[in-house]
PDB file of N, CA and C in Angstrom:
ATOM      1  N   MET A   1      66.871  77.175  34.124  1.00  0.00           N
ATOM      2  CA  MET A   1      66.605  76.524  32.905  1.00  0.00           C
ATOM      3  C   MET A   1      67.288  76.784  31.814  1.00  0.00           C
ATOM      4  N   VAL A   2      67.244  78.092  31.830  1.00  0.00           N
ATOM      5  CA  VAL A   2      68.280  78.589  30.310  1.00  0.00           C
ATOM      6  C   VAL A   2      69.933  78.069  30.274  1.00  0.00           C
ATOM      7  N   ASP A   3      70.162  77.913  31.259  1.00  0.00           N
ATOM      8  CA  ASP A   3      71.923  77.454  31.525  1.00  0.00           C
ATOM      9  C   ASP A   3      71.841  76.244  30.602  1.00  0.00           C
ATOM     10  N   LYS A   4      70.714  75.425  31.337  1.00  0.00           N
ATOM     11  CA  LYS A   4      70.980  74.070  30.764  1.00  0.00           C
ATOM     12  C   LYS A   4      70.407  74.130  29.696  1.00  0.00           C
ATOM     13  N   LEU A   5      69.448  74.927  28.603  1.00  0.00           N
ATOM     14  CA  LEU A   5      69.428  75.172  27.358  1.00  0.00           C
ATOM     15  C   LEU A   5      70.562  75.240  26.504  1.00  0.00           C
ATOM     16  N   ASP A   6      70.851  76.244  27.412  1.00  0.00           N
ATOM     17  CA  ASP A   6      72.656  76.984  26.502  1.00  0.00           C
ATOM     18  C   ASP A   6      73.761  75.612  26.090  1.00  0.00           C
ATOM     19  N   ARG A   7      73.281  74.956  27.157  1.00  0.00           N
ATOM     20  CA  ARG A   7      74.509  74.184  27.661  1.00  0.00           C
ATOM     21  C   ARG A   7      74.213  72.789  26.473  1.00  0.00           C
ATOM     22  N   ILE A   8      72.664  72.727  26.240  1.00  0.00           N
ATOM     23  CA  ILE A   8      72.305  71.880  25.482  1.00  0.00           C
ATOM     24  C   ILE A   8      72.219  71.785  24.035  1.00  0.00           C
ATOM     25  N   GLN A   9      72.186  73.326  23.635  1.00  0.00           N
ATOM     26  CA  GLN A   9      72.588  73.684  22.324  1.00  0.00           C
ATOM     27  C   GLN A   9      73.980  73.679  22.403  1.00  0.00           C
ATOM     28  N   GLU A  10      75.198  74.401  23.019  1.00  0.00           N
ATOM     29  CA  GLU A  10      76.551  74.042  23.115  1.00  0.00           C
ATOM     30  C   GLU A  10      77.080  72.192  22.346  1.00  0.00           C
ATOM     31  N   GLN A  11      76.743  71.614  23.436  1.00  0.00           N
ATOM     32  CA  GLN A  11      76.470  70.676  22.591  1.00  0.00           C
ATOM     33  C   GLN A  11      76.473  69.948  21.812  1.00  0.00           C
ATOM     34  N   GLU A  12      75.271  69.928  21.018  1.00  0.00           N
ATOM     35  CA  GLU A  12      74.239  69.955  19.563  1.00  0.00           C
ATOM     36  C   GLU A  12      75.682  70.493  18.628  1.00  0.00           C
ATOM     37  N   ASP A  13      76.188  71.740  19.139  1.00  0.00           N
ATOM     38  CA  ASP A  13      76.639  72.464  18.371  1.00  0.00           C
ATOM     39  C   ASP A  13      78.048  71.614  17.951  1.00  0.00           C
ATOM     40  N   LEU A  14      78.923  71.014  18.654  1.00  0.00           N
ATOM     41  CA  LEU A  14      80.067  70.424  19.524  1.00  0.00           C
ATOM     42  C   LEU A  14      79.808  69.073  18.253  1.00  0.00           C
ATOM     43  N   LEU A  15      78.507  68.790  18.517  1.00  0.00           N
ATOM     44  CA  LEU A  15      78.235  67.111  18.001  1.00  0.00           C
ATOM     45  C   LEU A  15      78.193  67.484  16.241  1.00  0.00           C
ATOM     46  N   ASN A  16      77.418  68.285  16.021  1.00  0.00           N
ATOM     47  CA  ASN A  16      77.660  68.817  14.526  1.00  0.00           C
ATOM     48  C   ASN A  16      78.921  68.946  14.055  1.00  0.00           C
ATOM     49  N   GLN A  17      79.958  69.870  14.785  1.00  0.00           N
ATOM     50  CA  GLN A  17      81.233  70.058  14.301  1.00  0.00           C
ATOM     51  C   GLN A  17      81.921  68.389  14.458  1.00  0.00           C
ATOM     52  N   LEU A  18      82.226  68.017  14.808  1.00  0.00           N
ATOM     53  CA  LEU A  18      82.485  66.870  14.992  1.00  0.00           C
ATOM     54  C   LEU A  18      81.943  65.556  13.987  1.00  0.00           C
ATOM     55  N   HIS A  19      80.731  65.821  13.835  1.00  0.00           N
ATOM     56  CA  HIS A  19      80.244  65.625  12.579  1.00  0.00           C
ATOM     57  C   HIS A  19      81.094  65.641  11.298  1.00  0.00           C
ATOM     58  N   ILE A  20      81.271  66.851  11.091  1.00  0.00           N
ATOM     59  CA  ILE A  20      81.554  67.691   9.502  1.00  0.00           C
ATOM     60  C   ILE A  20      83.205  67.096   9.611  1.00  0.00           C
ATOM     61  N   GLN A  21      83.776  67.554  10.927  1.00  0.00           N
ATOM     62  CA  GLN A  21      85.199  66.572  10.894  1.00  0.00           C
ATOM     63  C   GLN A  21      85.300  65.663  10.199  1.00  0.00           C
ATOM     64  N   ALA A  22      84.472  64.593  10.961  1.00  0.00           N
ATOM     65  CA  ALA A  22      84.789  62.989  10.734  1.00  0.00           C
ATOM     66  C   ALA A  22      84.128  63.430   9.539  1.00  0.00           C
ATOM     67  N   ALA A  23      83.137  63.581   8.598  1.00  0.00           N
ATOM     68  CA  ALA A  23      82.921  63.864   7.382  1.00  0.00           C
ATOM     69  C   ALA A  23      84.230  64.219   6.351  1.00  0.00           C
ATOM     70  N   ARG A  24      84.749  65.438   6.982  1.00  0.00           N
ATOM     71  CA  ARG A  24      85.902  65.439   5.926  1.00  0.00           C
ATOM     72  C   ARG A  24      87.129  64.658   6.137  1.00  0.00           C
ATOM     73  N   GLY A  25      87.252  63.386   7.046  1.00  0.00           N
ATOM     74  CA  GLY A  25      88.490  62.798   7.312  1.00  0.00           C
ATOM     75  C   GLY A  25      89.508  62.688   8.300  1.00  0.00           C
ATOM     76  N   ARG A  26      88.808  64.208   8.728  1.00  0.00           N
ATOM     77  CA  ARG A  26      90.154  64.130  10.238  1.00  0.00           C
ATOM     78  C   ARG A  26      89.342  64.431  10.981  1.00  0.00           C
ATOM     79  N   GLY A  27      88.393  63.855  11.528  1.00  0.00           N
ATOM     80  CA  GLY A  27      87.728  63.190  12.818  1.00  0.00           C
ATOM     81  C   GLY A  27      88.412  63.428  14.322  1.00  0.00           C
ATOM     82  N   GLY A  28      88.205  63.043  15.107  1.00  0.00           N
ATOM     83  CA  GLY A  28      88.768  63.331  16.141  1.00  0.00           C
ATOM     84  C   GLY A  28      90.452  62.557  16.758  1.00  0.00           C
ATOM     85  N   THR A  29      90.880  62.201  16.156  1.00  0.00           N
ATOM     86  CA  THR A  29      92.345  61.666  16.091  1.00  0.00           C
ATOM     87  C   THR A  29      93.735  62.680  15.080  1.00  0.00           C
ATOM     88  N   ALA A  30      93.211  63.159  14.403  1.00  0.00           N
ATOM     89  CA  ALA A  30      94.299  64.262  14.163  1.00  0.00           C
ATOM     90  C   ALA A  30      94.510  65.432  14.718  1.00  0.00           C
ATOM     91  N   GLY A  31      95.612  65.893  14.851  1.00  0.00           N
ATOM     92  CA  GLY A  31      95.855  67.158  15.772  1.00  0.00           C
ATOM     93  C   GLY A  31      95.911  67.198  17.454  1.00  0.00           C
ATOM     94  N   GLU A  32      96.152  67.990  17.750  1.00  0.00           N
ATOM     95  CA  GLU A  32      96.779  68.314  19.127  1.00  0.00           C
ATOM     96  C   GLU A  32      95.184  68.206  20.254  1.00  0.00           C
ATOM     97  N   GLY A  33      95.376  67.270  20.733  1.00  0.00           N
ATOM     98  CA  GLY A  33      94.393  67.228  21.752  1.00  0.00           C
ATOM     99  C   GLY A  33      94.309  68.536  23.029  1.00  0.00           C
ATOM    100  N   LEU A  34      92.960  68.751  23.874  1.00  0.00           N
ATOM    101  CA  LEU A  34      92.372  69.678  24.764  1.00  0.00           C
ATOM    102  C   LEU A  34      93.293  68.926  25.470  1.00  0.00           C
ATOM    103  N   THR A  35      93.064  70.156  26.544  1.00  0.00           N
ATOM    104  CA  THR A  35      93.354  69.456  27.773  1.00  0.00           C
ATOM    105  C   THR A  35      92.020  69.807  28.746  1.00  0.00           C
ATOM    106  N   HIS A  36      90.860  70.692  28.071  1.00  0.00           N
ATOM    107  CA  HIS A  36      89.658  70.628  28.834  1.00  0.00           C
ATOM    108  C   HIS A  36      88.763  70.648  28.056  1.00  0.00           C
ATOM    109  N   CYS A  37      87.609  69.634  28.073  1.00  0.00           N
ATOM    110  CA  CYS A  37      86.894  69.079  27.546  1.00  0.00           C
ATOM    111  C   CYS A  37      85.727  70.437  26.235  1.00  0.00           C
ATOM    112  N   ALA A  38      85.485  70.286  25.350  1.00  0.00           N
ATOM    113  CA  ALA A  38      85.392  70.999  24.193  1.00  0.00           C
ATOM    114  C   ALA A  38      84.308  71.483  24.725  1.00  0.00           C
ATOM    115  N   ALA A  39      82.945  70.265  25.390  1.00  0.00           N
ATOM    116  CA  ALA A  39      81.500  70.403  25.396  1.00  0.00           C
ATOM    117  C   ALA A  39      81.030  70.938  27.349  1.00  0.00           C
ATOM    118  N   CYS A  40      82.185  70.841  27.832  1.00  0.00           N
ATOM    119  CA  CYS A  40      81.755  71.001  29.262  1.00  0.00           C
ATOM    120  C   CYS A  40      82.763  71.884  29.832  1.00  0.00           C
ATOM    121  N   GLY A  41      84.034  71.900  29.667  1.00  0.00           N
ATOM    122  CA  GLY A  41      85.275  72.625  29.988  1.00  0.00           C
ATOM    123  C   GLY A  41      85.761  72.235  31.181  1.00  0.00           C
ATOM    124  N   ASN A  42      85.286  70.917  31.557  1.00  0.00           N
ATOM    125  CA  ASN A  42      86.275  70.282  32.427  1.00  0.00           C
ATOM    126  C   ASN A  42      87.804  69.929  32.297  1.00  0.00           C
ATOM    127  N   ASP A  43      88.220  69.457  32.722  1.00  0.00           N
ATOM    128  CA  ASP A  43      89.592  68.630  32.527  1.00  0.00           C
ATOM    129  C   ASP A  43      90.052  67.468  32.009  1.00  0.00           C
ATOM    130  N   ILE A  44      90.703  67.688  31.158  1.00  0.00           N
ATOM    131  CA  ILE A  44      90.975  66.128  30.304  1.00  0.00           C
ATOM    132  C   ILE A  44      92.076  64.865  30.972  1.00  0.00           C
ATOM    133  N   PRO A  45      91.568  63.982  31.858  1.00  0.00           N
ATOM    134  CA  PRO A  45      92.849  63.605  32.683  1.00  0.00           C
ATOM    135  C   PRO A  45      93.867  63.165  31.625  1.00  0.00           C
ATOM    136  N   GLN A  46      94.918  62.881  31.810  1.00  0.00           N
ATOM    137  CA  GLN A  46      96.611  63.112  31.142  1.00  0.00           C
ATOM    138  C   GLN A  46      96.104  61.657  30.413  1.00  0.00           C
ATOM    139  N   GLY A  47      95.601  60.402  31.241  1.00  0.00           N
ATOM    140  CA  GLY A  47      95.633  59.634  30.264  1.00  0.00           C
ATOM    141  C   GLY A  47      94.496  58.972  29.484  1.00  0.00           C
ATOM    142  N   ARG A  48      93.534  59.911  29.324  1.00  0.00           N
ATOM    143  CA  ARG A  48      92.802  60.016  28.387  1.00  0.00           C
ATOM    144  C   ARG A  48      93.333  60.525  27.086  1.00  0.00           C
ATOM    145  N   ARG A  49      94.380  61.773  27.665  1.00  0.00           N
ATOM    146  CA  ARG A  49      94.743  62.592  26.193  1.00  0.00           C
ATOM    147  C   ARG A  49      95.628  61.309  25.295  1.00  0.00           C
ATOM    148  N   GLU A  50      96.366  60.849  26.300  1.00  0.00           N
ATOM    149  CA  GLU A  50      97.457  60.114  26.119  1.00  0.00           C
ATOM    150  C   GLU A  50      96.751  58.865  25.263  1.00  0.00           C
ATOM    151  N   ALA A  51      95.403  58.056  25.567  1.00  0.00           N
ATOM    152  CA  ALA A  51      95.190  57.075  24.953  1.00  0.00           C
ATOM    153  C   ALA A  51      94.222  57.749  23.707  1.00  0.00           C
ATOM    154  N   VAL A  52      93.975  58.757  23.471  1.00  0.00           N
ATOM    155  CA  VAL A  52      92.971  59.150  22.318  1.00  0.00           C
ATOM    156  C   VAL A  52      93.498  60.552  21.848  1.00  0.00           C
ATOM    157  N   PRO A  53      94.632  60.119  21.195  1.00  0.00           N
ATOM    158  CA  PRO A  53      95.350  61.276  20.376  1.00  0.00           C
ATOM    159  C   PRO A  53      94.435  62.059  19.839  1.00  0.00           C
ATOM    160  N   GLY A  54      94.137  63.502  19.936  1.00  0.00           N
ATOM    161  CA  GLY A  54      93.425  65.023  19.283  1.00  0.00           C
ATOM    162  C   GLY A  54      92.094  64.648  20.628  1.00  0.00           C
ATOM    163  N   VAL A  55      92.589  64.432  21.347  1.00  0.00           N
ATOM    164  CA  VAL A  55      90.860  64.291  22.282  1.00  0.00           C
ATOM    165  C   VAL A  55      90.424  65.772  22.693  1.00  0.00           C
ATOM    166  N   ARG A  56      89.088  65.508  22.536  1.00  0.00           N
ATOM    167  CA  ARG A  56      88.265  67.290  22.304  1.00  0.00           C
ATOM    168  C   ARG A  56      87.115  66.921  23.035  1.00  0.00           C
ATOM    169  N   VAL A  57      86.973  65.951  24.055  1.00  0.00           N
ATOM    170  CA  VAL A  57      85.983  65.973  24.966  1.00  0.00           C
ATOM    171  C   VAL A  57      86.279  65.146  26.198  1.00  0.00           C
ATOM    172  N   CYS A  58      85.468  64.683  27.040  1.00  0.00           N
ATOM    173  CA  CYS A  58      85.661  64.371  28.361  1.00  0.00           C
ATOM    174  C   CYS A  58      84.932  62.838  28.251  1.00  0.00           C
ATOM    175  N   VAL A  59      84.984  61.803  28.700  1.00  0.00           N
ATOM    176  CA  VAL A  59      84.719  60.476  28.642  1.00  0.00           C
ATOM    177  C   VAL A  59      83.099  60.692  29.074  1.00  0.00           C
ATOM    178  N   ALA A  60      82.571  61.897  29.731  1.00  0.00           N
ATOM    179  CA  ALA A  60      81.221  61.561  30.025  1.00  0.00           C
ATOM    180  C   ALA A  60      80.486  62.246  28.496  1.00  0.00           C
ATOM    181  N   CYS A  61      81.299  63.553  28.533  1.00  0.00           N
ATOM    182  CA  CYS A  61      80.234  64.258  26.918  1.00  0.00           C
ATOM    183  C   CYS A  61      80.556  63.546  25.582  1.00  0.00           C
ATOM    184  N   GLN A  62      81.563  62.432  25.739  1.00  0.00           N
ATOM    185  CA  GLN A  62      81.673  61.541  24.813  1.00  0.00           C
ATOM    186  C   GLN A  62      80.420  60.409  24.620  1.00  0.00           C
ATOM    187  N   GLN A  63      80.053  59.585  25.259  1.00  0.00           N
ATOM    188  CA  GLN A  63      79.088  58.869  25.864  1.00  0.00           C
ATOM    189  C   GLN A  63      77.845  59.618  25.889  1.00  0.00           C
ATOM    190  N   TRP A  64      77.701  61.382  25.902  1.00  0.00           N
ATOM    191  CA  TRP A  64      76.636  61.953  25.631  1.00  0.00           C
ATOM    192  C   TRP A  64      76.400  62.085  24.103  1.00  0.00           C
ATOM    193  N   LEU A  65      77.652  62.279  23.778  1.00  0.00           N
ATOM    194  CA  LEU A  65      77.826  62.919  22.070  1.00  0.00           C
ATOM    195  C   LEU A  65      77.050  61.367  21.421  1.00  0.00           C
ATOM    196  N   GLU A  66      77.677  60.590  22.010  1.00  0.00           N
ATOM    197  CA  GLU A  66      77.430  58.962  21.177  1.00  0.00           C
ATOM    198  C   GLU A  66      76.177  58.807  21.302  1.00  0.00           C
ATOM    199  N   VAL A  67      75.454  58.445  22.167  1.00  0.00           N
ATOM    200  CA  VAL A  67      74.315  58.409  22.313  1.00  0.00           C
ATOM    201  C   VAL A  67      73.323  59.444  21.624  1.00  0.00           C
ATOM    202  N   GLN A  68      73.464  61.031  21.752  1.00  0.00           N
ATOM    203  CA  GLN A  68      72.972  61.958  20.763  1.00  0.00           C
ATOM    204  C   GLN A  68      73.144  61.605  19.504  1.00  0.00           C
ATOM    205  N   SER A  69      74.660  60.661  19.081  1.00  0.00           N
ATOM    206  CA  SER A  69      74.632  60.495  17.204  1.00  0.00           C
ATOM    207  C   SER A  69      73.954  59.463  17.301  1.00  0.00           C
ATOM    208  N   LYS A  70      73.449  58.417  18.126  1.00  0.00           N
ATOM    209  CA  LYS A  70      72.438  57.231  17.439  1.00  0.00           C
ATOM    210  C   LYS A  70      71.625  57.552  17.573  1.00  0.00           C
ATOM    211  N   GLN A  71      70.922  58.387  18.123  1.00  0.00           N
ATOM    212  CA  GLN A  71      69.250  59.149  18.063  1.00  0.00           C
ATOM    213  C   GLN A  71      69.550  59.746  16.804  1.00  0.00           C
ATOM    214  N   TYR A  72      70.185  60.756  16.239  1.00  0.00           N
ATOM    215  CA  TYR A  72      70.269  61.459  15.317  1.00  0.00           C
ATOM    216  C   TYR A  72      70.215  60.711  14.211  1.00  0.00           C
ATOM    217  N   GLN A  73      70.416  59.669  14.004  1.00  0.00           N
ATOM    218  CA  GLN A  73      71.304  58.912  12.917  1.00  0.00           C
ATOM    219  C   GLN A  73      69.789  57.943  12.867  1.00  0.00           C
ATOM    220  N   ARG A  74      69.175  57.618  14.028  1.00  0.00           N
ATOM    221  CA  ARG A  74      67.887  57.037  13.963  1.00  0.00           C
ATOM    222  C   ARG A  74      66.928  57.938  13.271  1.00  0.00           C
ATOM    223  N   TRP A  75      66.821  59.226  13.287  1.00  0.00           N
ATOM    224  CA  TRP A  75      65.647  60.025  13.093  1.00  0.00           C
ATOM    225  C   TRP A  75      66.514  60.204  11.781  1.00  0.00           C
ATOM    226  N   GLY A  76      67.858  60.641  11.957  1.00  0.00           N
ATOM    227  CA  GLY A  76      67.854  61.465  10.162  1.00  0.00           C
ATOM    228  C   GLY A  76      68.159  60.666   9.136  1.00  0.00           C
TER     229      GLY A  76
END
C-alpha cells in the first residue's frame, strides 16, 4: 500500500512540475526528451520521442496526468 501511495505522490509532484513549466512557457516541447518516463520509469518508445519533442512521460502516464489535470481544474 505504501508503494502505491508513494507512486501516486510522485505522479502528483510530476503533474505539479509540468503545470509550473507550462505556466512559465516552457511546456513539454522544449529541450531534450527523456528515454525513460519521469513518472514510472518505463521506456519511452523511439516513435513517441520523435513525435513529441521534449517528451517526459510515457503514453500511459500522460493519459493519467491528463485525467488528473482535468479533475484538478474542476476542483481548483
